[in-house]
Amino acid sequence: LANVRYTAVPVPPDLIPSLSKPQEQILWVGCSDSQITETDVLNVPRQEIFVHRNLGNKLSNGDTSSLSAIELCVQEMKVGHVIICGHYGCGLINDTNVD
């Protein structure tokens, strides 16, 4: 998979309609080694996405960084969408699945 090239394809522009006044409406949980640009994939202004990146885009009960981001976005900012985005050939995921 290391030599395979993938292309990010934007979702339809009306999937998550842009707000008239930009504010965060999306929590994006992505992998820290992903080269995907969230705004390119979702086709929304940067001001409408709260980005949280971690190792392998994994979420667990003991991860206070991820839990803090989720709590802030869901309870305080009232985001309407949570996206957990992985990517092909993730070395961080592959390394954790070795026997």
C-alpha atoms as a PDB file:
ATOM      1  CA  LEU A   1       0.000   0.000   0.000  1.00  0.00           C
ATOM      2  CA  ALA A   2       2.947   2.350   0.437  1.00  0.00           C
ATOM      3  CA  ASN A   3       3.232   2.986  -3.310  1.00  0.00           C
ATOM      4  CA  VAL A   4      -0.518   3.351  -3.947  1.00  0.00           C
ATOM      5  CA  ARG A   5      -1.769   6.911  -4.488  1.00  0.00           C
ATOM      6  CA  TYR A   6      -5.264   7.880  -3.422  1.00  0.00           C
ATOM      7  CA  THR A   7      -7.196  10.991  -4.256  1.00  0.00           C
ATOM      8  CA  ALA A   8      -9.474  12.938  -1.946  1.00  0.00           C
ATOM      9  CA  VAL A   9     -12.802  13.594  -3.609  1.00  0.00           C
ATOM     10  CA  PRO A  10     -14.931  16.427  -2.176  1.00  0.00           C
ATOM     11  CA  VAL A  11     -18.383  15.572  -0.924  1.00  0.00           C
ATOM     12  CA  PRO A  12     -21.363  17.320  -2.556  1.00  0.00           C
ATOM     13  CA  PRO A  13     -21.380  21.029  -1.619  1.00  0.00           C
ATOM     14  CA  ASP A  14     -24.861  20.806  -0.128  1.00  0.00           C
ATOM     15  CA  LEU A  15     -24.077  17.842   2.194  1.00  0.00           C
ATOM     16  CA  ILE A  16     -23.396  20.266   5.061  1.00  0.00           C
ATOM     17  CA  PRO A  17     -24.761  23.666   4.037  1.00  0.00           C
ATOM     18  CA  SER A  18     -22.579  26.648   4.914  1.00  0.00           C
ATOM     19  CA  LEU A  19     -23.963  29.007   7.534  1.00  0.00           C
ATOM     20  CA  SER A  20     -24.663  32.645   6.744  1.00  0.00           C
ATOM     21  CA  LYS A  21     -22.450  33.643   9.703  1.00  0.00           C
ATOM     22  CA  PRO A  22     -19.375  31.367   9.884  1.00  0.00           C
ATOM     23  CA  GLN A  23     -19.137  29.382  13.117  1.00  0.00           C
ATOM     24  CA  GLU A  24     -17.936  25.907  13.922  1.00  0.00           C
ATOM     25  CA  GLN A  25     -20.625  23.393  13.047  1.00  0.00           C
ATOM     26  CA  ILE A  26     -18.413  20.358  12.412  1.00  0.00           C
ATOM     27  CA  LEU A  27     -16.031  18.416  14.653  1.00  0.00           C
ATOM     28  CA  TRP A  28     -13.484  16.645  12.465  1.00  0.00           C
ATOM     29  CA  VAL A  29     -11.462  13.882  14.166  1.00  0.00           C
ATOM     30  CA  GLY A  30      -8.625  12.927  11.864  1.00  0.00           C
ATOM     31  CA  CYS A  31      -5.310  11.146  11.945  1.00  0.00           C
ATOM     32  CA  SER A  32      -2.214  13.191  12.710  1.00  0.00           C
ATOM     33  CA  ASP A  33      -0.315  11.744   9.731  1.00  0.00           C
ATOM     34  CA  SER A  34      -3.117  12.209   7.197  1.00  0.00           C
ATOM     35  CA  GLN A  35      -2.390  14.610   4.357  1.00  0.00           C
ATOM     36  CA  ILE A  36      -6.080  15.297   3.750  1.00  0.00           C
ATOM     37  CA  THR A  37      -7.194  18.903   4.085  1.00  0.00           C
ATOM     38  CA  GLU A  38     -10.590  18.944   5.756  1.00  0.00           C
ATOM     39  CA  THR A  39     -11.836  22.019   3.919  1.00  0.00           C
ATOM     40  CA  ASP A  40     -11.018  20.421   0.554  1.00  0.00           C
ATOM     41  CA  VAL A  41     -13.017  17.296   1.362  1.00  0.00           C
ATOM     42  CA  LEU A  42     -16.053  19.033   2.878  1.00  0.00           C
ATOM     43  CA  ASN A  43     -16.022  22.165   0.726  1.00  0.00           C
ATOM     44  CA  VAL A  44     -16.872  24.440   3.671  1.00  0.00           C
ATOM     45  CA  PRO A  45     -15.047  27.505   5.064  1.00  0.00           C
ATOM     46  CA  ARG A  46     -12.268  26.868   7.587  1.00  0.00           C
ATOM     47  CA  GLN A  47     -14.207  28.779  10.260  1.00  0.00           C
ATOM     48  CA  GLU A  48     -16.912  26.100  10.243  1.00  0.00           C
ATOM     49  CA  ILE A  49     -14.648  23.170  11.174  1.00  0.00           C
ATOM     50  CA  PHE A  50     -13.106  22.379  14.560  1.00  0.00           C
ATOM     51  CA  VAL A  51     -10.246  19.964  13.831  1.00  0.00           C
ATOM     52  CA  HIS A  52      -8.919  17.439  16.319  1.00  0.00           C
ATOM     53  CA  ARG A  53      -6.094  15.187  15.111  1.00  0.00           C
ATOM     54  CA  ASN A  54      -4.641  12.311  17.061  1.00  0.00           C
ATOM     55  CA  LEU A  55      -2.641   9.147  16.474  1.00  0.00           C
ATOM     56  CA  GLY A  56      -4.635   6.902  14.161  1.00  0.00           C
ATOM     57  CA  ASN A  57      -7.891   8.879  14.727  1.00  0.00           C
ATOM     58  CA  LYS A  58      -8.681   6.502  17.599  1.00  0.00           C
ATOM     59  CA  LEU A  59     -11.031   7.507  20.409  1.00  0.00           C
ATOM     60  CA  SER A  60     -10.957   5.864  23.841  1.00  0.00           C
ATOM     61  CA  ASN A  61     -12.249   6.587  27.343  1.00  0.00           C
ATOM     62  CA  GLY A  62      -8.785   7.334  28.711  1.00  0.00           C
ATOM     63  CA  ASP A  63      -7.880   9.887  26.036  1.00  0.00           C
ATOM     64  CA  THR A  64      -8.472  13.212  27.795  1.00  0.00           C
ATOM     65  CA  SER A  65      -7.405  15.231  24.750  1.00  0.00           C
ATOM     66  CA  SER A  66     -10.051  13.657  22.510  1.00  0.00           C
ATOM     67  CA  LEU A  67     -12.684  13.664  25.245  1.00  0.00           C
ATOM     68  CA  SER A  68     -12.047  17.368  25.902  1.00  0.00           C
ATOM     69  CA  ALA A  69     -12.417  18.211  22.209  1.00  0.00           C
ATOM     70  CA  ILE A  70     -15.644  16.210  21.931  1.00  0.00           C
ATOM     71  CA  GLU A  71     -17.089  17.717  25.109  1.00  0.00           C
ATOM     72  CA  LEU A  72     -16.260  21.270  24.006  1.00  0.00           C
ATOM     73  CA  CYS A  73     -17.706  20.815  20.534  1.00  0.00           C
ATOM     74  CA  VAL A  74     -20.843  18.860  21.430  1.00  0.00           C
ATOM     75  CA  GLN A  75     -21.844  20.421  24.756  1.00  0.00           C
ATOM     76  CA  GLU A  76     -20.542  23.980  24.488  1.00  0.00           C
ATOM     77  CA  MET A  77     -20.320  24.782  20.785  1.00  0.00           C
ATOM     78  CA  LYS A  78     -23.331  22.618  19.845  1.00  0.00           C
ATOM     79  CA  VAL A  79     -21.797  21.329  16.597  1.00  0.00           C
ATOM     80  CA  GLY A  80     -24.289  19.498  14.421  1.00  0.00           C
ATOM     81  CA  HIS A  81     -21.858  17.047  12.804  1.00  0.00           C
ATOM     82  CA  VAL A  82     -19.056  14.815  14.087  1.00  0.00           C
ATOM     83  CA  ILE A  83     -16.828  13.257  11.429  1.00  0.00           C
ATOM     84  CA  ILE A  84     -14.232  10.606  12.243  1.00  0.00           C
ATOM     85  CA  CYS A  85     -12.065  10.345   9.159  1.00  0.00           C
ATOM     86  CA  GLY A  86      -9.479   7.654   8.564  1.00  0.00           C
ATOM     87  CA  HIS A  87      -7.255   7.141   5.552  1.00  0.00           C
ATOM     88  CA  TYR A  88      -5.812   4.272   3.547  1.00  0.00           C
ATOM     89  CA  GLY A  89      -2.401   2.924   4.432  1.00  0.00           C
ATOM     90  CA  CYS A  90      -2.294   4.459   7.910  1.00  0.00           C
ATOM     91  CA  GLY A  91       1.030   3.448   9.418  1.00  0.00           C
ATOM     92  CA  LEU A  92      -0.228   4.203  12.922  1.00  0.00           C
ATOM     93  CA  ILE A  93      -3.126   1.741  12.589  1.00  0.00           C
ATOM     94  CA  ASN A  94      -0.999  -0.871  10.827  1.00  0.00           C
ATOM     95  CA  ASP A  95       1.625  -0.744  13.606  1.00  0.00           C
ATOM     96  CA  THR A  96      -0.987  -1.363  16.327  1.00  0.00           C
ATOM     97  CA  ASN A  97      -2.477  -4.378  14.518  1.00  0.00           C
ATOM     98  CA  VAL A  98       0.770  -6.384  14.372  1.00  0.00           C
ATOM     99  CA  ASP A  99       0.698  -9.734  16.240  1.00  0.00           C
END
